Amino acid sequence: MITNTDDFRNQLMRLDPYVDEFVLHVDQLVEQLAPEIADSVYPAIFEFFETAPDADCGAPGTLVHHVERYYPNYLPALKASVRRKPSYNGVLMINRILSSNLDAVVRNELMEILRVTVADQAVPDEIIEMVEGLIERRERIDREAPI
């Protein structure tokens, strides 16, 4: 049983998201979380996403599903993570939130984060391409939505 967030973070950071066994290892890791810290490990998960921004980590996968259980509590940390270092999973999570029923302020803020990501030359090309597709799809959905 993992009973503190530092232990979880340290074990997570030792995992290699590029190996086939990653999904199995991360499943086992999350299963070991003590219930009293389960809602406080998302900063470590976002940090992990930032260390391997192009890794899909089994997308959406165990890590994304675990964090999403605590919506909206993790939203400020997710926004900060994607602003700091856009990752496949961070962008995926923003897109999943955008696909839900949101107020206009939150929707606009998340879309702006995606637009800034596309303009950032330090972001890997595959992430930019992903974000461009998500923006295009979201704008099309918003245009076609009944008023």
Protein backbone atom coordinates (compact mmCIF):
# COMPACT_ATOMS: atom_id res chain seq x y z
CA MET A 1 0.00 0.00 0.00
CA ILE A 2 1.32 3.44 -0.96
CA THR A 3 0.42 5.84 1.81
CA ASN A 4 2.14 9.07 0.82
CA THR A 5 2.29 11.11 -2.34
CA ASP A 6 6.10 11.29 -2.45
CA ASP A 7 6.34 7.50 -2.54
CA PHE A 8 3.77 7.39 -5.33
CA ARG A 9 5.61 10.08 -7.28
CA ASN A 10 8.96 8.32 -6.89
CA GLN A 11 7.57 4.99 -8.04
CA LEU A 12 5.71 6.58 -10.95
CA MET A 13 8.80 8.45 -12.13
CA ARG A 14 10.72 5.17 -12.32
CA LEU A 15 8.27 3.76 -14.88
CA ASP A 16 9.08 3.88 -18.59
CA PRO A 17 5.98 4.90 -20.56
CA TYR A 18 7.54 3.64 -23.79
CA VAL A 19 7.73 -0.06 -22.88
CA ASP A 20 4.92 -2.51 -23.59
CA GLU A 21 4.63 -3.43 -19.92
CA PHE A 22 3.94 0.15 -18.85
CA VAL A 23 0.17 -0.26 -18.74
CA LEU A 24 0.44 -3.29 -16.47
CA HIS A 25 2.94 -1.57 -14.17
CA VAL A 26 0.94 1.64 -13.87
CA ASP A 27 -2.24 -0.35 -13.20
CA GLN A 28 -0.48 -2.11 -10.33
CA LEU A 29 0.90 1.17 -9.01
CA VAL A 30 -2.47 2.92 -8.94
CA GLU A 31 -4.10 -0.13 -7.34
CA GLN A 32 -1.64 0.23 -4.45
CA LEU A 33 -2.76 3.78 -3.62
CA ALA A 34 -4.19 4.20 -0.14
CA PRO A 35 -7.68 5.71 -0.37
CA GLU A 36 -6.67 8.68 1.80
CA ILE A 37 -4.12 9.91 -0.77
CA ALA A 38 -5.84 8.83 -4.00
CA ASP A 39 -7.24 12.31 -4.58
CA SER A 40 -3.91 14.08 -4.07
CA VAL A 41 -1.57 12.37 -6.54
CA TYR A 42 -2.61 14.22 -9.69
CA PRO A 43 0.28 16.74 -9.47
CA ALA A 44 2.70 13.80 -9.68
CA ILE A 45 0.76 12.36 -12.61
CA PHE A 46 0.88 15.66 -14.50
CA GLU A 47 4.60 15.91 -13.77
CA PHE A 48 5.03 12.40 -15.19
CA PHE A 49 3.12 13.39 -18.34
CA GLU A 50 5.47 16.37 -18.72
CA THR A 51 8.57 14.15 -18.55
CA ALA A 52 7.38 12.15 -21.57
CA PRO A 53 5.13 14.57 -23.44
CA ASP A 54 4.74 12.38 -26.52
CA ALA A 55 3.95 9.13 -24.66
CA ASP A 56 0.32 8.06 -24.79
CA CYS A 57 0.60 6.08 -21.52
CA GLY A 58 -2.17 3.74 -22.70
CA ALA A 59 -4.41 6.70 -23.50
CA PRO A 60 -6.63 7.46 -21.97
CA GLY A 61 -5.42 4.77 -19.59
CA THR A 62 -5.26 4.28 -15.86
CA LEU A 63 -3.58 7.58 -15.02
CA VAL A 64 -6.09 9.73 -16.92
CA HIS A 65 -9.03 7.75 -15.57
CA HIS A 66 -7.71 8.00 -12.03
CA VAL A 67 -7.30 11.78 -12.20
CA GLU A 68 -10.67 12.31 -13.88
CA ARG A 69 -12.42 10.82 -10.85
CA TYR A 70 -11.61 14.07 -9.04
CA TYR A 71 -12.97 16.63 -11.51
CA PRO A 72 -12.97 19.62 -11.12
CA ASN A 73 -10.40 19.63 -8.29
CA TYR A 74 -7.49 18.87 -10.61
CA LEU A 75 -8.40 21.45 -13.27
CA PRO A 76 -6.05 24.24 -12.08
CA ALA A 77 -3.13 21.79 -11.95
CA LEU A 78 -3.98 20.42 -15.41
CA LYS A 79 -4.12 23.91 -16.91
CA ALA A 80 -0.78 24.80 -15.30
CA SER A 81 0.79 21.58 -16.56
CA VAL A 82 -0.31 22.08 -20.17
CA ARG A 83 0.80 25.71 -20.07
CA ARG A 84 4.18 24.67 -18.66
CA LYS A 85 4.86 21.66 -20.91
CA PRO A 86 2.09 20.39 -23.17
CA SER A 87 1.81 16.62 -23.21
CA TYR A 88 -0.24 14.11 -25.15
CA ASN A 89 -2.20 13.18 -22.03
CA GLY A 90 -2.59 16.72 -20.75
CA VAL A 91 -4.02 17.82 -24.08
CA LEU A 92 -6.18 14.69 -24.22
CA MET A 93 -7.62 15.55 -20.80
CA ILE A 94 -8.39 19.11 -21.87
CA ASN A 95 -10.16 17.76 -24.95
CA ARG A 96 -12.19 15.36 -22.82
CA ILE A 97 -13.26 18.26 -20.59
CA LEU A 98 -14.14 20.34 -23.65
CA SER A 99 -16.42 17.50 -24.76
CA SER A 100 -18.46 17.93 -21.59
CA ASN A 101 -21.05 20.51 -20.62
CA LEU A 102 -18.99 23.57 -19.62
CA ASP A 103 -19.69 27.19 -18.95
CA ALA A 104 -18.36 29.60 -21.57
CA VAL A 105 -15.60 31.01 -19.36
CA VAL A 106 -13.97 27.63 -18.71
CA ARG A 107 -14.46 26.54 -22.34
CA ASN A 108 -12.81 29.73 -23.63
CA GLU A 109 -9.90 29.40 -21.20
CA LEU A 110 -9.24 25.80 -22.24
CA MET A 111 -9.47 26.67 -25.94
CA GLU A 112 -7.00 29.51 -25.40
CA ILE A 113 -4.56 27.10 -23.74
CA LEU A 114 -4.80 24.90 -26.84
CA ARG A 115 -4.27 27.87 -29.18
CA VAL A 116 -1.19 28.98 -27.23
CA THR A 117 0.13 25.42 -27.40
CA VAL A 118 -0.06 25.42 -31.20
CA ALA A 119 1.90 28.69 -31.34
CA ASP A 120 4.69 27.42 -29.06
CA GLN A 121 7.68 26.40 -31.19
CA ALA A 122 9.12 24.36 -28.30
CA VAL A 123 6.18 21.92 -28.40
CA PRO A 124 6.88 18.66 -30.27
CA ASP A 125 5.38 18.51 -33.76
CA GLU A 126 3.19 15.50 -32.96
CA ILE A 127 1.59 17.38 -30.06
CA ILE A 128 1.01 20.46 -32.23
CA GLU A 129 -0.63 18.30 -34.92
CA MET A 130 -2.84 16.68 -32.29
CA VAL A 131 -3.86 20.05 -30.85
CA GLU A 132 -4.55 21.52 -34.30
CA GLY A 133 -6.90 18.62 -35.01
CA LEU A 134 -8.65 19.03 -31.67
CA ILE A 135 -9.10 22.78 -32.17
CA GLU A 136 -10.48 22.25 -35.67
CA ARG A 137 -12.89 19.56 -34.46
CA ARG A 138 -14.03 21.59 -31.44
CA GLU A 139 -14.60 24.74 -33.54
CA ARG A 140 -16.63 22.71 -36.06
CA ILE A 141 -18.74 21.20 -33.26
CA ASP A 142 -19.30 24.64 -31.73
CA ARG A 143 -20.32 26.11 -35.12
CA GLU A 144 -22.80 23.30 -35.75
CA ALA A 145 -24.30 23.37 -32.25
CA PRO A 146 -27.83 24.72 -32.05
CA ILE A 147 -28.07 28.09 -30.35
